[in-house]
């Protein structure tokens, strides 16, 4: 398998999960502006959507969208317990968090990185984040990870998104459980390996 990524993008989430899985994989950096990969390939021909992550599979297919990729990888190694079994309420809870992070957190960070976004749009995004971040903080004040005592693929996604707070001056200090979560995640060997590989 090969993961196409861009440093500090949401592709960090499947990168972490791949390290957690113990599966063999390679990575290739993508320049999202030029749509060229590190080897000079046209990334648009790999993923016509034009963004990361994209996971090239052994059979030649390409899987896109972070939440889909992390669940696919988790299901390849059920013994690692990166996600509960399909069809269980516990799995639905992980999917619930993946959806929340994608729609309520990830998408509201996007305007903060966009130089063309107006001050009004950016302010609105920050207001939404100020209402949504406490939801994750509350879950993490009760347990070390989003769905309880054990790491799941949803935690990798939350970690990747919360790392953006330092780039766009979103203050998470009002929620100590988020800071504690980030410290816990930073201590995981898979997280350290992914961050080191991305430079």
Protein backbone atom coordinates (compact mmCIF):
# COMPACT_ATOMS: atom_id res chain seq x y z
CA UNK A 1 0.00 0.00 0.00
CA UNK A 2 1.10 3.56 -0.61
CA UNK A 3 -0.26 6.59 1.22
CA UNK A 4 -0.20 9.89 -0.63
CA UNK A 5 0.10 12.67 1.94
CA UNK A 6 0.92 16.31 2.50
CA UNK A 7 2.74 17.31 5.71
CA UNK A 8 0.42 18.38 8.53
CA UNK A 9 -2.69 17.83 6.40
CA UNK A 10 -5.54 15.54 7.41
CA UNK A 11 -3.58 12.71 5.75
CA UNK A 12 -1.66 12.56 9.03
CA UNK A 13 -4.60 10.59 10.44
CA UNK A 14 -4.32 7.55 8.12
CA UNK A 15 -0.52 7.86 8.33
CA UNK A 16 -0.76 7.35 12.11
CA UNK A 17 -3.25 4.51 11.71
CA UNK A 18 -1.00 2.74 9.20
CA UNK A 19 1.84 2.89 11.73
CA UNK A 20 -0.52 1.62 14.45
CA UNK A 21 -1.56 -1.25 12.18
CA UNK A 22 1.92 -2.69 11.73
CA UNK A 23 1.15 -3.29 8.03
CA UNK A 24 3.77 -2.69 5.35
CA UNK A 25 3.24 0.57 3.48
CA UNK A 26 5.10 3.37 1.76
CA UNK A 27 4.38 7.08 1.57
CA UNK A 28 4.70 9.69 -1.14
CA UNK A 29 4.49 13.42 -0.58
CA UNK A 30 2.10 15.49 -2.69
CA UNK A 31 2.44 19.16 -3.56
CA UNK A 32 -1.20 20.22 -3.35
CA UNK A 33 -0.59 23.41 -5.31
CA UNK A 34 1.14 21.87 -8.31
CA UNK A 35 -0.74 18.53 -7.99
CA UNK A 36 2.59 16.73 -8.44
CA UNK A 37 3.88 13.91 -6.27
CA UNK A 38 7.47 13.72 -5.03
CA UNK A 39 8.28 11.32 -7.90
CA UNK A 40 6.83 13.76 -10.45
CA UNK A 41 3.56 11.95 -11.07
CA UNK A 42 0.36 13.87 -11.79
CA UNK A 43 -1.59 13.49 -8.57
CA UNK A 44 -4.86 14.37 -10.33
CA UNK A 45 -4.54 11.11 -12.24
CA UNK A 46 -4.19 9.24 -8.93
CA UNK A 47 -6.98 11.07 -7.12
CA UNK A 48 -9.16 13.24 -9.39
CA UNK A 49 -10.49 14.98 -6.27
CA UNK A 50 -7.06 16.61 -6.04
CA UNK A 51 -6.55 16.34 -2.30
CA UNK A 52 -5.00 13.99 0.22
CA UNK A 53 -5.19 11.40 1.63
CA UNK A 54 -5.25 8.74 -1.05
CA UNK A 55 -4.29 5.13 -0.41
CA UNK A 56 -3.10 3.06 -3.37
CA UNK A 57 -3.98 -0.57 -2.74
CA UNK A 58 -2.14 -3.70 -3.87
CA UNK A 59 -4.87 -4.49 -6.42
CA UNK A 60 -4.37 -1.14 -8.18
CA UNK A 61 -7.43 0.57 -6.73
CA UNK A 62 -7.17 3.89 -4.88
CA UNK A 63 -9.19 4.60 -1.74
CA UNK A 64 -9.78 8.23 -0.75
CA UNK A 65 -11.32 10.11 2.20
CA UNK A 66 -9.61 9.79 5.57
CA UNK A 67 -12.49 8.22 7.54
CA UNK A 68 -12.91 5.52 4.88
CA UNK A 69 -9.16 4.82 4.75
CA UNK A 70 -8.69 4.52 8.50
CA UNK A 71 -11.62 2.11 8.86
CA UNK A 72 -10.39 0.02 5.93
CA UNK A 73 -6.93 -0.25 7.50
CA UNK A 74 -8.41 -1.06 10.91
CA UNK A 75 -10.45 -3.89 9.41
CA UNK A 76 -7.32 -5.40 7.82
CA UNK A 77 -5.90 -6.00 11.29
CA UNK A 78 -8.87 -6.69 13.61
CA UNK A 79 -6.50 -8.09 16.24
CA UNK A 80 -5.06 -4.58 16.71
CA UNK A 81 -8.49 -3.29 17.81
CA UNK A 82 -8.07 0.05 16.03
CA UNK A 83 -11.85 0.04 15.47
CA UNK A 84 -14.60 -2.18 16.88
CA UNK A 85 -16.14 -4.85 14.63
CA UNK A 86 -18.52 -3.70 11.89
CA UNK A 87 -22.18 -3.89 12.77
CA UNK A 88 -21.70 -3.12 16.46
CA UNK A 89 -22.88 -0.07 18.34
CA UNK A 90 -19.25 0.51 19.36
CA UNK A 91 -18.28 0.76 15.67
CA UNK A 92 -21.13 3.19 15.08
CA UNK A 93 -19.73 5.34 17.91
CA UNK A 94 -16.35 5.49 16.17
CA UNK A 95 -18.11 6.43 12.92
CA UNK A 96 -20.12 9.03 14.84
CA UNK A 97 -16.87 10.67 15.99
CA UNK A 98 -15.27 10.45 12.54
CA UNK A 99 -18.30 12.21 11.07
CA UNK A 100 -18.36 14.86 13.79
CA UNK A 101 -14.64 15.60 13.38
CA UNK A 102 -14.98 15.80 9.60
CA UNK A 103 -18.09 17.95 9.39
CA UNK A 104 -17.97 20.05 12.55
CA UNK A 105 -14.24 20.50 13.22
CA UNK A 106 -12.21 19.81 10.06
CA UNK A 107 -14.46 21.81 7.75
CA UNK A 108 -14.54 24.78 10.12
CA UNK A 109 -10.75 24.96 10.15
CA UNK A 110 -10.67 25.22 6.35
CA UNK A 111 -11.63 28.93 6.13
CA UNK A 112 -8.92 29.78 8.67
CA UNK A 113 -6.26 28.50 6.24
CA UNK A 114 -7.83 30.21 3.22
CA UNK A 115 -6.22 33.60 2.47
CA UNK A 116 -9.22 34.48 0.30
CA UNK A 117 -11.71 33.99 3.15
CA UNK A 118 -13.11 37.21 4.57
CA UNK A 119 -12.66 38.23 8.18
CA UNK A 120 -16.38 37.63 8.64
CA UNK A 121 -16.15 34.06 7.33
CA UNK A 122 -13.11 33.34 9.50
CA UNK A 123 -14.82 34.79 12.55
CA UNK A 124 -17.88 32.63 11.90
CA UNK A 125 -15.72 29.51 11.63
CA UNK A 126 -14.00 30.33 14.92
CA UNK A 127 -17.38 30.79 16.60
CA UNK A 128 -18.50 27.36 15.41
CA UNK A 129 -15.26 25.78 16.63
CA UNK A 130 -15.74 27.43 20.03
CA UNK A 131 -19.10 25.64 20.27
CA UNK A 132 -17.90 22.29 18.89
CA UNK A 133 -14.53 21.80 20.60
CA UNK A 134 -16.16 21.50 24.06
CA UNK A 135 -18.04 18.43 22.81
CA UNK A 136 -14.77 16.58 22.20
CA UNK A 137 -13.32 18.05 25.41
CA UNK A 138 -16.23 16.69 27.44
CA UNK A 139 -15.74 13.16 26.06
CA UNK A 140 -12.02 13.35 26.78
CA UNK A 141 -12.57 14.56 30.31
CA UNK A 142 -14.38 11.30 31.04
CA UNK A 143 -11.96 8.94 29.24
CA UNK A 144 -8.45 9.08 27.79
CA UNK A 145 -9.78 8.51 24.25
CA UNK A 146 -12.93 9.54 22.41
CA UNK A 147 -14.72 6.22 22.76
CA UNK A 148 -13.31 5.11 26.10
CA UNK A 149 -10.13 3.65 27.52
CA UNK A 150 -8.58 2.51 24.23
CA UNK A 151 -7.23 4.32 21.16
CA UNK A 152 -9.35 4.14 18.02
CA UNK A 153 -8.98 5.52 14.50
CA UNK A 154 -11.18 8.47 15.51
CA UNK A 155 -8.46 9.64 17.91
CA UNK A 156 -5.93 9.82 15.07
CA UNK A 157 -8.28 12.11 13.12
CA UNK A 158 -8.95 14.35 16.11
CA UNK A 159 -5.22 14.61 16.78
CA UNK A 160 -4.49 15.62 13.17
CA UNK A 161 -7.18 18.31 13.25
CA UNK A 162 -6.26 19.68 16.70
CA UNK A 163 -2.65 20.13 15.55
CA UNK A 164 -3.93 22.89 13.27
CA UNK A 165 -4.85 25.05 16.26
CA UNK A 166 -1.25 26.22 16.58
CA UNK A 167 -1.14 27.31 12.92
CA UNK A 168 -4.32 29.40 12.97
CA UNK A 169 -4.27 30.69 16.56
CA UNK A 170 -7.25 28.72 17.84
CA UNK A 171 -6.81 28.56 21.60
CA UNK A 172 -7.67 25.19 23.18
CA UNK A 173 -6.34 26.10 26.62
CA UNK A 174 -9.89 26.62 27.97
CA UNK A 175 -10.29 22.84 27.61
CA UNK A 176 -7.49 21.11 29.57
CA UNK A 177 -8.71 17.67 28.49
CA UNK A 178 -7.82 18.55 24.88
CA UNK A 179 -4.29 19.53 25.89
CA UNK A 180 -3.96 16.30 27.89
CA UNK A 181 -5.22 14.31 24.89
CA UNK A 182 -2.63 15.91 22.62
CA UNK A 183 0.15 15.04 25.08
CA UNK A 184 -1.12 11.46 25.30
CA UNK A 185 -1.23 11.15 21.53
CA UNK A 186 2.20 12.74 21.05
CA UNK A 187 3.62 10.02 23.30
CA UNK A 188 2.35 7.19 21.07
CA UNK A 189 5.15 5.59 19.00
CA UNK A 190 2.95 5.50 15.89
CA UNK A 191 2.32 9.24 16.15
CA UNK A 192 6.01 9.95 16.62
CA UNK A 193 6.86 7.75 13.62
CA UNK A 194 4.33 9.49 11.36
CA UNK A 195 5.42 12.97 12.43
CA UNK A 196 9.08 12.12 11.92
CA UNK A 197 8.39 10.66 8.46
CA UNK A 198 6.51 13.83 7.47
CA UNK A 199 9.34 16.04 8.72
